[in-house]
Every structure is written in C-alpha cells, then in structure tokens.
Amino acid sequence: MSVARTTEISATSTKGFEDAINEGVARAAATLRNLRGAWIKEQEVTINGDKIAEYKVHMLVTFVLDE
C-alpha cells in the first residue's frame, strides 16, 4: 500500500505557461521524491503597459510518501 500527498506550488516565467509549468515541476523534483503527477489549478498573467510581462501557474503536485 502507498500513501500520497498533494502540495500546492506556484511558478512563474517570462516565456510562457509551458515554461512556468516546467520550472515548477523541476523545482518540485529538486525538493520532493517520488513525484507522480501535477494538476494545473490556475493560470494568470501580469501585464506591464500593453504587454504580458509574466506568466504564472498555480499547480497541485502529487508525490508518494516513503515507506
């Protein structure tokens, strides 16, 4: 039997949503073991003037706890 935990994280990028997701997963993988999945809960942008300055994602990351 395994037990999993879900934690919410946010990640940003100036390139796009996909890059923000990749940055968030990479950072989670550097700290957490046994990652199993991620669910993108929200996406938002920061606008500076008339252009998008930053992309942000809020995601739930699931990982299996050690025995």
N, C-alpha and C. Protein backbone atom coordinates (compact mmCIF):
# COMPACT_ATOMS: atom_id res chain seq x y z
N MET A 1 0.84 -1.17 0.00
CA MET A 1 0.00 0.00 0.00
C MET A 1 0.89 1.24 0.00
N SER A 2 0.49 2.25 -0.74
CA SER A 2 1.24 3.51 -0.75
C SER A 2 0.33 4.66 -0.35
N VAL A 3 0.95 5.68 0.18
CA VAL A 3 0.23 6.88 0.60
C VAL A 3 0.84 8.06 -0.15
N ALA A 4 -0.02 8.88 -0.71
CA ALA A 4 0.44 10.04 -1.47
C ALA A 4 0.02 11.33 -0.78
N ARG A 5 0.74 12.36 -1.10
CA ARG A 5 0.43 13.70 -0.58
C ARG A 5 0.39 14.67 -1.75
N THR A 6 -0.43 15.69 -1.63
CA THR A 6 -0.52 16.72 -2.65
C THR A 6 -0.17 18.06 -2.01
N THR A 7 0.67 18.81 -2.70
CA THR A 7 1.04 20.14 -2.22
C THR A 7 0.85 21.15 -3.34
N GLU A 8 0.49 22.37 -2.98
CA GLU A 8 0.25 23.41 -3.98
C GLU A 8 1.49 24.29 -4.11
N ILE A 9 1.89 24.54 -5.35
CA ILE A 9 3.02 25.43 -5.61
C ILE A 9 2.65 26.41 -6.72
N SER A 10 3.39 27.50 -6.79
CA SER A 10 3.23 28.48 -7.87
C SER A 10 4.58 28.64 -8.55
N ALA A 11 4.54 28.88 -9.85
CA ALA A 11 5.78 29.09 -10.62
C ALA A 11 5.52 30.16 -11.66
N THR A 12 6.57 30.91 -11.99
CA THR A 12 6.44 31.99 -12.96
C THR A 12 7.48 31.86 -14.07
N SER A 13 7.20 32.51 -15.18
CA SER A 13 8.11 32.55 -16.32
C SER A 13 7.80 33.79 -17.15
N THR A 14 8.81 34.32 -17.79
CA THR A 14 8.59 35.42 -18.73
C THR A 14 8.37 34.88 -20.14
N LYS A 15 8.53 33.56 -20.34
CA LYS A 15 8.43 32.95 -21.67
C LYS A 15 7.03 32.44 -22.00
N GLY A 16 6.35 31.83 -21.02
CA GLY A 16 5.02 31.30 -21.29
C GLY A 16 4.57 30.33 -20.22
N PHE A 17 3.32 29.87 -20.35
CA PHE A 17 2.76 28.95 -19.37
C PHE A 17 3.50 27.62 -19.33
N GLU A 18 3.83 27.08 -20.49
CA GLU A 18 4.52 25.79 -20.53
C GLU A 18 5.87 25.88 -19.80
N ASP A 19 6.59 26.97 -19.99
CA ASP A 19 7.86 27.16 -19.31
C ASP A 19 7.65 27.28 -17.80
N ALA A 20 6.61 27.96 -17.38
CA ALA A 20 6.31 28.09 -15.95
C ALA A 20 6.00 26.72 -15.35
N ILE A 21 5.26 25.89 -16.07
CA ILE A 21 4.96 24.54 -15.60
C ILE A 21 6.24 23.73 -15.47
N ASN A 22 7.08 23.78 -16.50
CA ASN A 22 8.35 23.04 -16.45
C ASN A 22 9.24 23.50 -15.30
N GLU A 23 9.29 24.81 -15.07
CA GLU A 23 10.09 25.35 -13.95
C GLU A 23 9.53 24.86 -12.61
N GLY A 24 8.22 24.87 -12.47
CA GLY A 24 7.61 24.41 -11.22
C GLY A 24 7.85 22.95 -10.96
N VAL A 25 7.70 22.12 -11.97
CA VAL A 25 7.93 20.67 -11.81
C VAL A 25 9.40 20.40 -11.51
N ALA A 26 10.30 21.09 -12.20
CA ALA A 26 11.74 20.90 -11.96
C ALA A 26 12.11 21.29 -10.53
N ARG A 27 11.55 22.38 -10.05
CA ARG A 27 11.84 22.81 -8.68
C ARG A 27 11.27 21.84 -7.66
N ALA A 28 10.06 21.35 -7.91
CA ALA A 28 9.46 20.37 -7.00
C ALA A 28 10.29 19.09 -6.99
N ALA A 29 10.78 18.67 -8.14
CA ALA A 29 11.57 17.45 -8.23
C ALA A 29 12.91 17.59 -7.50
N ALA A 30 13.41 18.81 -7.38
CA ALA A 30 14.67 19.02 -6.66
C ALA A 30 14.50 18.88 -5.15
N THR A 31 13.27 19.04 -4.67
CA THR A 31 12.99 19.00 -3.23
C THR A 31 12.24 17.74 -2.80
N LEU A 32 11.31 17.30 -3.63
CA LEU A 32 10.43 16.18 -3.28
C LEU A 32 10.86 14.91 -4.03
N ARG A 33 10.64 13.78 -3.40
CA ARG A 33 10.91 12.48 -4.05
C ARG A 33 9.59 11.86 -4.50
N ASN A 34 9.68 10.97 -5.44
CA ASN A 34 8.54 10.15 -5.88
C ASN A 34 7.39 10.97 -6.46
N LEU A 35 7.71 12.00 -7.27
CA LEU A 35 6.64 12.76 -7.92
C LEU A 35 5.84 11.85 -8.83
N ARG A 36 4.53 12.03 -8.84
CA ARG A 36 3.66 11.18 -9.66
C ARG A 36 2.80 11.96 -10.64
N GLY A 37 2.52 13.24 -10.34
CA GLY A 37 1.68 13.99 -11.25
C GLY A 37 1.51 15.43 -10.80
N ALA A 38 0.95 16.23 -11.70
CA ALA A 38 0.67 17.63 -11.39
C ALA A 38 -0.63 18.02 -12.08
N TRP A 39 -1.39 18.84 -11.41
CA TRP A 39 -2.64 19.35 -11.94
C TRP A 39 -2.55 20.87 -11.94
N ILE A 40 -2.75 21.49 -13.09
CA ILE A 40 -2.69 22.94 -13.21
C ILE A 40 -4.03 23.50 -12.75
N LYS A 41 -4.00 24.17 -11.61
CA LYS A 41 -5.21 24.68 -10.98
C LYS A 41 -5.62 26.04 -11.58
N GLU A 42 -4.65 26.94 -11.76
CA GLU A 42 -4.93 28.27 -12.28
C GLU A 42 -3.78 28.76 -13.14
N GLN A 43 -4.11 29.63 -14.07
CA GLN A 43 -3.11 30.33 -14.86
C GLN A 43 -3.45 31.82 -14.81
N GLU A 44 -2.43 32.66 -14.73
CA GLU A 44 -2.67 34.10 -14.75
C GLU A 44 -1.47 34.79 -15.37
N VAL A 45 -1.67 36.01 -15.79
CA VAL A 45 -0.59 36.80 -16.37
C VAL A 45 -0.49 38.14 -15.65
N THR A 46 0.72 38.69 -15.65
CA THR A 46 0.96 40.04 -15.18
C THR A 46 1.19 40.89 -16.42
N ILE A 47 0.50 42.01 -16.49
CA ILE A 47 0.60 42.88 -17.67
C ILE A 47 1.35 44.15 -17.28
N ASN A 48 2.28 44.53 -18.13
CA ASN A 48 3.04 45.76 -17.95
C ASN A 48 2.81 46.62 -19.19
N GLY A 49 2.09 47.69 -19.01
CA GLY A 49 1.72 48.51 -20.17
C GLY A 49 0.65 47.78 -20.97
N ASP A 50 0.99 47.41 -22.20
CA ASP A 50 0.05 46.65 -23.03
C ASP A 50 0.59 45.28 -23.41
N LYS A 51 1.61 44.80 -22.66
CA LYS A 51 2.22 43.50 -22.98
C LYS A 51 2.25 42.60 -21.75
N ILE A 52 2.23 41.31 -22.01
CA ILE A 52 2.35 40.34 -20.93
C ILE A 52 3.79 40.34 -20.44
N ALA A 53 3.97 40.57 -19.14
CA ALA A 53 5.30 40.61 -18.55
C ALA A 53 5.68 39.29 -17.90
N GLU A 54 4.68 38.56 -17.39
CA GLU A 54 4.98 37.32 -16.66
C GLU A 54 3.79 36.38 -16.70
N TYR A 55 4.09 35.11 -16.83
CA TYR A 55 3.08 34.05 -16.80
C TYR A 55 3.22 33.33 -15.47
N LYS A 56 2.09 33.04 -14.83
CA LYS A 56 2.12 32.35 -13.54
C LYS A 56 1.15 31.18 -13.56
N VAL A 57 1.58 30.05 -12.99
CA VAL A 57 0.70 28.89 -12.83
C VAL A 57 0.67 28.51 -11.35
N HIS A 58 -0.50 28.10 -10.91
CA HIS A 58 -0.68 27.51 -9.59
C HIS A 58 -0.99 26.04 -9.86
N MET A 59 -0.21 25.15 -9.27
CA MET A 59 -0.40 23.73 -9.54
C MET A 59 -0.39 22.91 -8.27
N LEU A 60 -1.06 21.78 -8.35
CA LEU A 60 -1.04 20.79 -7.28
C LEU A 60 -0.12 19.66 -7.73
N VAL A 61 0.89 19.37 -6.93
CA VAL A 61 1.87 18.33 -7.27
C VAL A 61 1.65 17.17 -6.31
N THR A 62 1.55 15.97 -6.86
CA THR A 62 1.33 14.77 -6.06
C THR A 62 2.61 13.95 -6.00
N PHE A 63 2.94 13.48 -4.80
CA PHE A 63 4.11 12.63 -4.62
C PHE A 63 3.78 11.54 -3.61
N VAL A 64 4.43 10.38 -3.77
CA VAL A 64 4.21 9.25 -2.88
C VAL A 64 5.18 9.34 -1.71
N LEU A 65 4.66 9.18 -0.50
CA LEU A 65 5.49 9.24 0.69
C LEU A 65 6.34 8.00 0.82
N ASP A 66 7.53 8.15 1.38
CA ASP A 66 8.41 7.00 1.63
C ASP A 66 7.75 6.05 2.62
N GLU A 67 8.09 4.79 2.48
CA GLU A 67 7.56 3.76 3.40
C GLU A 67 8.07 3.98 4.80
